[in-house]
Protein backbone atom coordinates (compact mmCIF):
# COMPACT_ATOMS: atom_id res chain seq x y z
CA MET A 1 3.92 -5.59 -73.96
CA THR A 2 6.50 -6.70 -71.39
CA GLU A 3 7.32 -9.70 -73.55
CA GLN A 4 7.66 -7.42 -76.58
CA LEU A 5 10.05 -5.16 -74.70
CA HIS A 6 12.21 -8.05 -73.49
CA GLN A 7 12.49 -9.34 -77.05
CA TYR A 8 13.21 -5.86 -78.43
CA ARG A 9 16.03 -5.38 -75.94
CA GLN A 10 17.52 -8.78 -76.70
CA GLU A 11 17.43 -8.07 -80.42
CA MET A 12 19.08 -4.67 -79.87
CA GLN A 13 21.88 -6.30 -77.88
CA LYS A 14 22.41 -8.86 -80.63
CA GLU A 15 22.29 -6.19 -83.33
CA LEU A 16 24.77 -3.95 -81.52
CA ALA A 17 27.20 -6.86 -81.33
CA ALA A 18 26.78 -7.55 -85.07
CA ILE A 19 27.39 -3.92 -86.08
CA LEU A 20 30.45 -3.58 -83.87
CA ALA A 21 31.85 -6.88 -85.14
CA TYR A 22 31.53 -5.71 -88.76
CA TRP A 23 33.43 -2.48 -88.14
CA LYS A 24 36.13 -4.23 -86.14
CA ARG A 25 36.54 -6.93 -88.79
CA CYS A 26 36.21 -5.00 -92.05
CA THR A 27 37.23 -1.37 -91.64
CA PRO A 28 40.65 -1.00 -89.92
CA ASP A 29 43.27 0.19 -92.43
CA LEU A 30 46.15 -2.21 -91.82
CA VAL A 31 48.43 -0.36 -94.28
CA HIS A 32 48.11 3.33 -93.42
CA GLY A 33 46.38 3.27 -90.04
CA GLY A 34 42.99 4.54 -89.04
CA PHE A 35 40.01 3.17 -90.93
CA ALA A 36 39.15 2.57 -94.56
CA GLY A 37 37.89 5.63 -96.37
CA LYS A 38 35.44 3.57 -98.39
CA ILE A 39 34.00 0.05 -98.51
CA ASP A 40 31.61 -0.52 -101.39
CA HIS A 41 28.19 -2.14 -101.40
CA GLU A 42 29.69 -5.61 -101.90
CA ASN A 43 31.96 -5.13 -98.87
CA ASN A 44 35.06 -4.59 -101.01
CA LEU A 45 37.73 -2.24 -99.70
CA VAL A 46 38.51 0.75 -101.96
CA PRO A 47 42.19 1.14 -101.01
CA ASP A 48 42.95 4.65 -102.35
CA ALA A 49 39.77 6.34 -101.13
CA PRO A 50 40.23 9.54 -99.09
CA LYS A 51 39.28 9.50 -95.42
CA GLY A 52 36.78 11.77 -93.71
CA ALA A 53 36.96 13.40 -90.29
CA VAL A 54 33.26 12.73 -89.71
CA LEU A 55 33.65 8.98 -90.28
CA HIS A 56 36.62 8.71 -87.93
CA ALA A 57 34.88 10.82 -85.29
CA ARG A 58 31.77 8.67 -85.51
CA ILE A 59 33.85 5.52 -85.11
CA LEU A 60 35.51 7.05 -82.06
CA TRP A 61 32.13 7.94 -80.56
CA THR A 62 30.61 4.55 -81.35
CA PHE A 63 33.27 2.40 -79.76
CA SER A 64 33.76 4.73 -76.79
CA ALA A 65 30.02 4.56 -76.04
CA ALA A 66 29.76 0.85 -76.81
CA PHE A 67 32.33 -0.13 -74.20
CA ARG A 68 29.86 0.79 -71.45
CA PHE A 69 27.46 -1.78 -72.91
CA THR A 70 29.86 -4.53 -73.91
CA ASN A 71 32.74 -4.21 -71.43
CA ASN A 72 34.72 -5.68 -74.32
CA TYR A 73 38.38 -4.66 -74.33
CA ASP A 74 38.46 -4.89 -78.15
CA ASP A 75 35.96 -2.03 -78.35
CA ALA A 76 38.18 0.17 -76.21
CA VAL A 77 41.10 -0.68 -78.50
CA ILE A 78 39.17 0.45 -81.58
CA ALA A 79 38.23 3.70 -79.81
CA ALA A 80 41.90 4.32 -78.99
CA LYS A 81 42.87 3.63 -82.60
CA ALA A 82 40.35 6.20 -83.85
CA TYR A 83 41.47 8.75 -81.26
CA ASP A 84 45.13 8.37 -82.20
CA TYR A 85 44.44 8.65 -85.94
CA LEU A 86 42.27 11.74 -85.58
CA ASN A 87 44.95 13.47 -83.53
CA ARG A 88 47.81 12.48 -85.80
CA TYR A 89 46.29 13.19 -89.21
CA PHE A 90 43.14 15.32 -88.97
CA VAL A 91 44.13 17.96 -86.41
CA ASP A 92 45.43 21.16 -87.99
CA THR A 93 48.51 22.04 -85.91
CA THR A 94 48.90 25.41 -87.64
CA TYR A 95 45.47 27.01 -87.43
CA GLY A 96 43.65 24.64 -85.11
CA GLY A 97 40.53 22.63 -85.80
CA VAL A 98 40.29 19.56 -88.02
CA TYR A 99 40.54 19.04 -91.77
CA TRP A 100 37.46 17.82 -93.59
CA SER A 101 39.40 15.03 -95.29
CA VAL A 102 42.82 13.47 -95.80
CA THR A 103 44.25 11.17 -98.45
CA ALA A 104 44.37 7.41 -97.97
CA ASP A 105 47.87 7.76 -96.49
CA GLY A 106 46.92 10.65 -94.21
CA GLN A 107 47.97 13.80 -96.11
CA PRO A 108 45.66 16.83 -95.74
CA LEU A 109 43.20 16.92 -98.65
CA ASP A 110 40.26 19.26 -98.04
CA ARG A 111 41.53 21.69 -95.42
CA LYS A 112 38.34 23.72 -94.85
CA LYS A 113 36.89 24.04 -91.36
CA GLN A 114 33.41 22.57 -91.72
CA VAL A 115 31.62 23.22 -88.43
CA TYR A 116 29.70 19.95 -88.82
CA ALA A 117 32.96 17.97 -88.78
CA VAL A 118 34.48 19.91 -85.88
CA SER A 119 31.29 19.30 -83.91
CA PHE A 120 31.45 15.56 -84.45
CA VAL A 121 35.02 15.49 -83.19
CA ILE A 122 33.93 17.38 -80.04
CA TYR A 123 31.06 14.90 -79.62
CA ALA A 124 33.44 11.95 -79.97
CA LEU A 125 36.15 13.37 -77.70
CA ALA A 126 33.63 13.98 -74.93
CA GLU A 127 32.53 10.36 -75.23
CA TYR A 128 36.12 9.12 -75.28
CA TYR A 129 36.76 11.15 -72.12
CA ARG A 130 33.97 9.16 -70.44
CA LEU A 131 35.89 6.02 -71.39
CA HIS A 132 39.37 7.42 -70.65
CA PRO A 133 39.04 10.37 -68.23
CA LYS A 134 42.42 11.86 -69.06
CA GLN A 135 42.78 15.63 -68.96
CA GLU A 136 44.41 15.80 -72.39
CA VAL A 137 41.29 14.33 -74.00
CA LEU A 138 39.00 16.89 -72.37
CA GLN A 139 41.40 19.69 -73.25
CA LYS A 140 41.28 18.76 -76.94
CA ALA A 141 37.47 18.92 -76.87
CA GLN A 142 37.58 22.26 -75.04
CA GLU A 143 40.04 23.69 -77.59
CA LEU A 144 37.76 22.79 -80.50
CA TYR A 145 34.74 24.20 -78.67
CA ARG A 146 36.55 27.50 -78.12
CA LEU A 147 37.61 27.67 -81.77
CA LEU A 148 33.97 27.33 -82.82
CA THR A 149 32.77 29.99 -80.38
CA VAL A 150 35.52 32.40 -81.44
CA HIS A 151 35.43 31.93 -85.22
CA ALA A 152 32.07 30.42 -86.22
CA TYR A 153 29.61 31.84 -83.69
CA ASP A 154 27.24 34.52 -84.99
CA ALA A 155 27.04 36.94 -82.07
CA GLU A 156 24.44 39.11 -83.83
CA HIS A 157 21.88 36.51 -84.92
CA GLY A 158 22.84 33.43 -82.91
CA GLY A 159 23.89 30.02 -84.12
CA PHE A 160 27.00 29.04 -86.04
CA ILE A 161 28.20 29.66 -89.58
CA GLU A 162 28.42 26.49 -91.68
CA ALA A 163 32.02 26.56 -92.88
CA LEU A 164 35.19 28.59 -92.86
CA ALA A 165 38.49 28.43 -94.72
CA GLU A 166 41.58 26.63 -93.46
CA ASP A 167 42.68 29.70 -91.48
CA TRP A 168 39.12 30.31 -90.16
CA SER A 169 38.56 33.22 -92.57
CA LYS A 170 35.27 33.59 -94.43
CA MET A 171 34.57 31.58 -97.57
CA ASP A 172 31.82 31.56 -100.20
CA ASP A 173 31.02 27.85 -100.37
CA TYR A 174 29.28 26.76 -97.19
CA ARG A 175 27.90 23.45 -98.48
CA LEU A 176 28.26 20.30 -96.43
CA SER A 177 27.71 18.19 -99.55
CA ASP A 178 26.80 18.64 -103.20
CA LYS A 179 23.11 18.04 -102.46
CA ASP A 180 22.91 20.85 -99.89
CA SER A 181 21.96 24.47 -100.48
CA ASN A 182 24.78 27.01 -100.27
CA THR A 183 23.47 28.93 -97.26
CA PRO A 184 25.43 30.27 -94.27
CA LYS A 185 23.37 28.27 -91.76
CA SER A 186 21.60 24.92 -91.79
CA MET A 187 19.48 22.82 -89.50
CA ASN A 188 21.81 19.85 -89.92
CA THR A 189 24.91 21.65 -88.68
CA MET A 190 23.01 23.29 -85.80
CA LEU A 191 21.63 19.89 -84.78
CA HIS A 192 25.07 18.37 -84.46
CA VAL A 193 26.62 21.41 -82.80
CA MET A 194 23.85 21.08 -80.21
CA GLU A 195 24.49 17.34 -79.94
CA ALA A 196 28.23 17.95 -79.46
CA PHE A 197 27.71 20.65 -76.84
CA THR A 198 25.24 18.38 -75.01
CA ASN A 199 27.81 15.60 -74.75
CA LEU A 200 30.56 18.03 -73.77
CA TYR A 201 28.35 19.53 -71.05
CA ARG A 202 27.95 16.06 -69.54
CA VAL A 203 31.66 15.99 -68.72
CA TRP A 204 32.35 19.73 -68.43
CA PRO A 205 29.42 21.76 -67.01
CA ASP A 206 30.93 25.11 -67.95
CA LYS A 207 28.85 28.28 -67.52
CA GLU A 208 29.51 29.66 -71.02
CA LEU A 209 28.92 26.25 -72.60
CA LYS A 210 25.58 26.11 -70.79
CA GLN A 211 24.62 29.47 -72.29
CA HIS A 212 25.52 28.34 -75.80
CA LEU A 213 23.61 25.07 -75.42
CA THR A 214 20.57 26.86 -74.03
CA ALA A 215 20.64 29.27 -76.97
CA LEU A 216 20.86 26.41 -79.48
CA ILE A 217 17.80 24.68 -78.00
CA GLN A 218 15.90 27.95 -78.16
CA ILE A 219 16.93 28.44 -81.80
CA PHE A 220 15.46 25.05 -82.62
CA CYS A 221 12.25 25.79 -80.78
CA ASP A 222 11.84 29.34 -82.09
CA LYS A 223 13.39 29.36 -85.58
CA ILE A 224 14.16 25.91 -87.00
CA ILE A 225 11.04 23.90 -86.11
CA HIS A 226 8.16 25.23 -88.20
CA PRO A 227 5.47 26.45 -85.79
CA VAL A 228 2.61 25.02 -87.85
CA THR A 229 3.84 21.90 -89.64
CA GLY A 230 6.28 20.71 -86.97
CA HIS A 231 8.86 19.89 -89.65
CA LEU A 232 12.41 21.13 -89.45
CA GLN A 233 13.24 23.92 -91.85
CA LEU A 234 16.56 22.97 -93.41
CA PHE A 235 18.45 25.99 -94.74
CA PHE A 236 18.74 29.59 -93.55
CA SER A 237 20.22 32.99 -94.19
CA GLU A 238 22.40 34.52 -91.47
CA ASN A 239 19.36 36.17 -89.87
CA TRP A 240 17.36 32.91 -89.92
CA GLU A 241 15.17 33.46 -92.96
CA ALA A 242 14.23 29.98 -94.16
CA GLN A 243 15.42 29.01 -97.65
CA GLY A 244 13.67 26.28 -99.64
CA HIS A 245 10.82 23.91 -98.95
CA GLU A 246 12.47 20.53 -98.37
CA VAL A 247 11.34 18.15 -95.63
CA SER A 248 13.68 15.51 -94.20
CA PHE A 249 11.68 12.96 -92.21
CA GLY A 250 14.78 11.32 -90.74
CA HIS A 251 16.01 14.63 -89.37
CA ASP A 252 12.54 15.42 -87.98
CA ILE A 253 12.48 12.29 -85.85
CA GLU A 254 16.17 12.50 -84.94
CA ALA A 255 15.82 16.08 -83.72
CA SER A 256 12.69 15.18 -81.77
CA TRP A 257 14.67 13.25 -79.19
CA LEU A 258 17.99 15.12 -79.46
CA VAL A 259 16.44 18.51 -78.62
CA GLN A 260 14.70 16.92 -75.64
CA GLU A 261 17.93 15.20 -74.56
CA ALA A 262 19.82 18.51 -74.67
CA ALA A 263 17.26 20.14 -72.38
CA GLU A 264 17.37 17.16 -70.02
CA VAL A 265 21.16 17.35 -69.74
CA LEU A 266 20.91 21.07 -68.95
CA GLY A 267 18.41 20.39 -66.18
CA ASN A 268 16.28 23.40 -67.17
CA GLU A 269 12.73 22.28 -66.35
CA GLU A 270 11.02 25.16 -68.14
CA LEU A 271 13.03 24.60 -71.31
CA LEU A 272 12.55 20.84 -71.00
CA SER A 273 8.77 21.24 -70.92
CA ILE A 274 8.92 23.21 -74.18
CA ALA A 275 11.35 20.70 -75.71
CA LYS A 276 8.98 17.83 -74.93
CA GLN A 277 6.14 19.63 -76.64
CA LYS A 278 8.35 20.24 -79.66
CA ALA A 279 9.50 16.62 -79.61
CA MET A 280 5.93 15.43 -80.01
CA GLN A 281 5.20 18.04 -82.67
CA MET A 282 8.15 16.70 -84.69
CA ALA A 283 7.11 13.09 -84.08
CA TYR A 284 3.63 13.80 -85.43
CA ALA A 285 5.19 15.58 -88.43
CA THR A 286 7.36 12.53 -89.09
CA VAL A 287 4.30 10.29 -89.41
CA LYS A 288 3.61 12.06 -92.72
CA GLY A 289 6.66 10.23 -94.11
CA LEU A 290 5.67 6.72 -93.05
CA ASP A 291 5.03 4.10 -95.72
CA GLY A 292 2.62 1.23 -95.21
CA ASP A 293 5.46 -1.14 -94.35
CA GLY A 294 6.43 0.97 -91.32
CA SER A 295 9.49 2.55 -92.93
CA LEU A 296 10.28 6.20 -93.52
CA TRP A 297 10.59 7.71 -96.96
CA ASN A 298 13.65 9.87 -97.37
CA GLU A 299 12.38 13.37 -98.20
CA SER A 300 9.49 15.42 -99.53
CA ASP A 301 8.50 19.04 -99.83
CA THR A 302 6.16 20.90 -97.52
CA THR A 303 3.17 20.23 -99.81
CA TYR A 304 3.91 16.46 -99.93
CA THR A 305 3.72 16.48 -103.73
CA HIS A 306 7.40 15.92 -104.58
CA TRP A 307 8.95 12.91 -102.89
CA SER A 308 12.35 11.27 -102.70
CA ARG A 309 11.08 7.71 -102.94
CA GLU A 310 14.01 6.00 -101.25
CA LYS A 311 14.36 4.50 -97.82
CA HIS A 312 17.80 5.09 -96.36
CA TRP A 313 19.28 3.29 -93.41
CA TRP A 314 19.73 6.15 -90.97
CA PRO A 315 16.13 7.52 -90.87
CA GLN A 316 14.94 4.04 -89.87
CA ALA A 317 17.45 3.94 -87.00
CA GLU A 318 16.38 7.38 -85.81
CA ALA A 319 12.71 6.39 -86.11
CA MET A 320 13.33 3.43 -83.81
CA VAL A 321 14.51 5.82 -81.09
CA GLY A 322 12.30 8.81 -81.80
CA PHE A 323 9.05 6.84 -81.87
CA PHE A 324 10.05 4.99 -78.70
CA ASN A 325 10.71 8.36 -77.08
CA ALA A 326 7.24 9.52 -78.16
CA TRP A 327 5.78 6.44 -76.45
CA GLN A 328 7.68 7.29 -73.27
CA LEU A 329 6.29 10.82 -73.42
CA THR A 330 2.65 10.04 -74.14
CA GLY A 331 1.99 6.46 -73.08
CA ASP A 332 0.19 5.92 -76.38
CA GLU A 333 1.13 2.42 -77.56
CA ILE A 334 0.91 3.40 -81.22
CA TRP A 335 4.33 5.03 -80.88
CA LEU A 336 5.88 1.87 -79.48
CA GLN A 337 4.43 -0.11 -82.37
CA ARG A 338 5.85 2.41 -84.84
CA SER A 339 9.28 1.92 -83.28
CA LEU A 340 8.94 -1.84 -83.53
CA ARG A 341 7.77 -1.66 -87.15
CA SER A 342 10.79 0.48 -88.03
CA TRP A 343 13.02 -2.25 -86.63
CA GLU A 344 11.04 -4.94 -88.44
CA PHE A 345 11.67 -3.14 -91.74
CA VAL A 346 15.40 -2.99 -90.99
CA LYS A 347 15.51 -6.69 -90.14
CA THR A 348 13.68 -7.82 -93.23
CA VAL A 349 14.93 -5.32 -95.84
CA LEU A 350 18.10 -3.47 -94.83
CA LYS A 351 20.26 -5.90 -92.88
CA ASP A 352 23.26 -7.33 -94.69
CA PRO A 353 24.28 -10.85 -93.55
CA ALA A 354 27.83 -9.46 -93.26
CA GLY A 355 26.70 -7.50 -90.20
CA GLU A 356 26.06 -3.93 -91.39
CA TRP A 357 22.97 -2.37 -92.95
CA HIS A 358 22.60 -1.58 -96.63
CA TRP A 359 22.48 2.10 -97.52
CA GLY A 360 18.83 1.74 -98.48
CA VAL A 361 16.29 0.65 -101.07
CA ASP A 362 14.25 2.39 -103.75
CA ALA A 363 10.48 2.42 -104.01
CA ASN A 364 10.55 -1.10 -105.51
CA TYR A 365 12.77 -2.47 -102.72
CA LYS A 366 15.79 -2.64 -104.99
CA THR A 367 18.94 -2.29 -102.89
CA LEU A 368 20.86 0.92 -103.56
CA GLN A 369 24.43 0.30 -104.68
CA GLU A 370 25.99 2.72 -102.20
CA ASP A 371 28.80 2.55 -99.65
CA LYS A 372 28.78 0.11 -96.78
CA ALA A 373 31.33 2.44 -95.14
CA GLY A 374 32.45 5.88 -96.24
CA PHE A 375 32.24 9.62 -95.66
CA TRP A 376 28.57 9.33 -94.68
CA LYS A 377 28.03 5.63 -94.04
CA CYS A 378 29.12 4.89 -90.51
CA PRO A 379 28.22 2.90 -87.36
CA TYR A 380 26.86 5.97 -85.56
CA HIS A 381 23.11 6.00 -86.28
CA ASN A 382 22.38 2.30 -86.01
CA SER A 383 24.68 1.49 -83.10
CA ARG A 384 23.37 4.52 -81.23
CA ALA A 385 19.81 3.36 -81.83
CA CYS A 386 20.69 -0.01 -80.32
CA MET A 387 22.33 1.56 -77.27
CA GLU A 388 19.52 4.08 -76.75
CA LEU A 389 16.86 1.39 -76.92
CA ILE A 390 18.72 -1.00 -74.63
CA THR A 391 18.94 1.80 -72.06
CA ARG A 392 15.36 2.99 -72.46
CA ILE A 393 13.82 -0.49 -72.40
CA ARG A 394 15.86 -1.41 -69.33
CA SER A 395 14.53 1.69 -67.58
CA VAL A 396 10.92 0.90 -68.46
CA LEU A 397 11.23 -2.72 -67.36
CA GLU A 398 13.01 -1.88 -64.12
CA THR A 399 10.66 0.91 -63.05
CA GLY A 400 7.49 -0.64 -64.41
CA SER A 401 6.39 2.72 -65.75
CA ILE A 402 7.01 5.21 -68.52
CA LYS A 403 7.31 8.96 -68.25
CA GLN A 404 4.18 10.71 -69.44
CA PHE A 405 3.14 14.30 -69.97
CA ARG A 406 0.26 16.10 -71.66
CA TYR A 407 0.93 17.14 -75.24
CA GLU A 408 -0.48 20.60 -75.93
CA THR A 409 -1.62 20.57 -79.56
CA SER A 410 -1.82 24.36 -79.58
CA LEU A 411 1.98 24.67 -79.43
């Protein structure tokens, strides 16, 4: 096992370097600044494609975090480039917050205030502050946090409303994308608000922020994670009535370790104990989506009769981390092997020789002709998986032990 772990860590270090190299080489927009709005499956730049706030925020987070692993000045330069572009073109200087998208040359395009996008900018700014601890960076993250708590927070039912208009007034279309249900709350947005607040709390342990983060963890444990199946429920009314029957295996395993991480950062031992139980419940639920080759199918319904028979890149990255986390929690080697098999699938099926991962494959292993970079295709999931695993494996090898606890199946 020690030999396996050494090899896994070495491969994660090599993979992180390859992913970062691709984004540094292929995505900077040398004409208009920032980064390309779209690169197609064949690695061709689409020059007039609009640019998304989420993509630029994820690039900022990735290269800010990566610098701690690489100590490569070029990574810090890319982070600074993303920070400058976000501030110059995405920040709404009239109403506050960030636009969802801008044109290729930086003009506001979709001006709505999507809480998901604002959260990713908070997440990225907090990480950039760890790289460049300048007060102005932290202040920008704090300003966005306060805008969310003033305009998007649901004081009656808890959680945050999905989307608001440019001036933070109410709007009828909450959807994050065309495939999503038009509901006022969703698991996906709550997950990334929680993730953003977790990272912000690392650098700014504010009392009110702590209360909001605690409440978000409790919402996951009490309302979003199904008490019987362990799957995440995806869409909700304002008062947390679940809407629909979709299951997203990638989100199940991603949330399993992010909810636990949030509780760890808070330092609340009672909440952490519950979060660990929920993490394992979600990990077991995720196993329902495993194919025989070790990969995760994309989606199903709660009866497992209607499947989305595709294997996208990001659920595999999250499975690498989430299954490893389950091994650290239980000591059961089957979870470590599931993490390794996820990586093996990526290596043999999803990796592009150019350095990035393909979007995914269908049930017959035919490569999907989707973006290599774009609104949703980014370096965040796979680079984060590399960095998480490097850190976790180093800890296991240095201490000679893994953290274990007893999983209560009754929860």
